[in-house]
Every structure is written in structure tokens, then in C-alpha cells.
Protein backbone atom coordinates (compact mmCIF):
# COMPACT_ATOMS: atom_id res chain seq x y z
CA UNK A 1 7.39 -2.77 9.61
CA UNK A 2 6.80 -2.93 5.94
CA UNK A 3 9.43 -4.82 3.18
CA UNK A 4 9.08 -2.89 0.17
CA UNK A 5 11.25 -4.19 -3.00
CA UNK A 6 11.96 -2.19 -5.93
CA UNK A 7 12.14 -4.13 -9.14
CA UNK A 8 13.40 -2.03 -11.96
CA UNK A 9 13.59 -4.25 -14.64
CA UNK A 10 10.30 -5.68 -13.86
CA UNK A 11 9.61 -1.60 -13.29
CA UNK A 12 7.17 -2.42 -9.93
CA UNK A 13 7.25 -2.30 -6.30
CA UNK A 14 6.37 -5.24 -4.24
CA UNK A 15 5.30 -4.57 -0.33
CA UNK A 16 4.78 -7.08 2.50
CA UNK A 17 2.39 -5.75 4.96
CA UNK A 18 2.11 -7.40 8.39
CA UNK A 19 -1.42 -9.03 8.53
CA UNK A 20 -1.46 -8.45 12.61
CA UNK A 21 -0.85 -4.71 11.67
CA UNK A 22 -2.38 -3.71 8.49
CA UNK A 23 -6.41 -4.16 8.09
CA UNK A 24 -7.17 -5.72 4.94
CA UNK A 25 -9.77 -3.35 4.02
CA UNK A 26 -7.67 -0.48 4.30
CA UNK A 27 -5.13 -1.41 1.84
CA UNK A 28 -7.89 -2.51 -0.30
CA UNK A 29 -9.18 1.17 0.22
CA UNK A 30 -5.39 2.46 -0.83
CA UNK A 31 -5.52 -0.30 -3.69
CA UNK A 32 -8.28 1.44 -4.92
CA UNK A 33 -7.34 5.10 -4.20
CA UNK A 34 -4.29 4.53 -6.54
CA UNK A 35 -5.90 2.92 -9.33
CA UNK A 36 -4.80 6.56 -11.15
CA UNK A 37 -1.60 5.82 -10.61
CA UNK A 38 -1.01 2.30 -10.70
CA UNK A 39 -1.99 -1.06 -11.13
CA UNK A 40 -1.72 -3.36 -8.44
CA UNK A 41 -2.43 -7.13 -7.48
CA UNK A 42 -2.68 -8.62 -4.28
CA UNK A 43 -2.03 -11.88 -1.96
CA UNK A 44 -1.89 -13.55 1.02
CA UNK A 45 1.12 -15.53 1.54
CA UNK A 46 3.62 -14.92 4.32
CA UNK A 47 1.54 -11.69 4.97
CA UNK A 48 -0.31 -9.45 2.75
CA UNK A 49 1.81 -9.10 -0.48
CA UNK A 50 1.52 -5.86 -2.89
CA UNK A 51 2.64 -5.26 -6.51
CA UNK A 52 2.46 -1.70 -7.64
CA UNK A 53 2.96 -1.55 -11.27
CA UNK A 54 3.21 2.22 -12.04
CA UNK A 55 1.00 3.78 -15.32
CA UNK A 56 3.46 6.69 -16.00
CA UNK A 57 7.19 6.77 -15.42
CA UNK A 58 7.73 7.54 -12.16
CA UNK A 59 9.90 7.03 -8.88
CA UNK A 60 9.71 3.82 -8.18
CA UNK A 61 11.95 4.08 -5.06
CA UNK A 62 9.09 6.87 -3.28
CA UNK A 63 6.00 4.74 -4.70
CA UNK A 64 5.91 1.83 -2.11
CA UNK A 65 6.80 4.51 1.10
CA UNK A 66 3.92 6.68 -0.32
CA UNK A 67 1.55 4.07 -0.50
CA UNK A 68 2.65 2.77 3.03
CA UNK A 69 2.41 6.30 4.71
CA UNK A 70 -0.80 6.90 2.61
CA UNK A 71 -2.21 3.30 4.19
CA UNK A 72 -1.37 4.60 7.86
CA UNK A 73 -3.24 7.95 7.18
CA UNK A 74 -6.27 5.78 6.44
CA UNK A 75 -5.40 3.82 9.55
CA UNK A 76 -5.48 6.60 11.93
CA UNK A 77 -8.46 8.24 10.21
CA UNK A 78 -10.48 5.15 10.74
CA UNK A 79 -9.44 5.35 14.48
CA UNK A 80 -9.72 8.48 15.54
CA UNK A 81 -13.69 8.55 13.68
CA UNK A 82 -14.27 5.24 15.86
CA UNK A 83 -12.92 7.68 19.14
CA UNK A 84 -15.48 9.92 17.94
CA UNK A 85 -12.62 12.90 17.19
CA UNK A 86 -12.08 14.27 13.47
């Protein structure tokens, strides 16, 4: 489960990912894929902490969930490819 916090005043979304479930390289790939949409930062404190700062006015409430869902799709794709399925 992810911990998603929306900071409307700071215009950012903070997400804490469980490092036992999410692969760090997948998170970095997601950050790279989202670079057109938002700036981001990553740190390893109590989990893998991500801050997303949208480049345009957008719905902060959905950004964190969209990013999390995207990471899950990347993980699913990797697992399917490892098992020889597409």
C-alpha cells in the first residue's frame, strides 16, 4: 500500500512506496517516463519517498494515483516478460 499525501499549497504530491514491494529501478523508470508531466525527487528514508511537482496546473488529487498505477503496470510488464509472456 502506498501513502499518498497531497500538498496543495506546495503544489506537490508525496508518495511513500514500500521498498519490500516496489523495485527502485521501476520507480526510477516511472519518474523518467513522467518527466514531461512533472518534476520529481526521490529519497530513501522510511520507504522510497517520491515528491511529484506538476509542470502544469492539474489535478493533484489524481497525480499520485496515476503514478502509482503506472508503476504497477511496469512491474506487471516486467514479470510477464520474465515468464516469457507478453
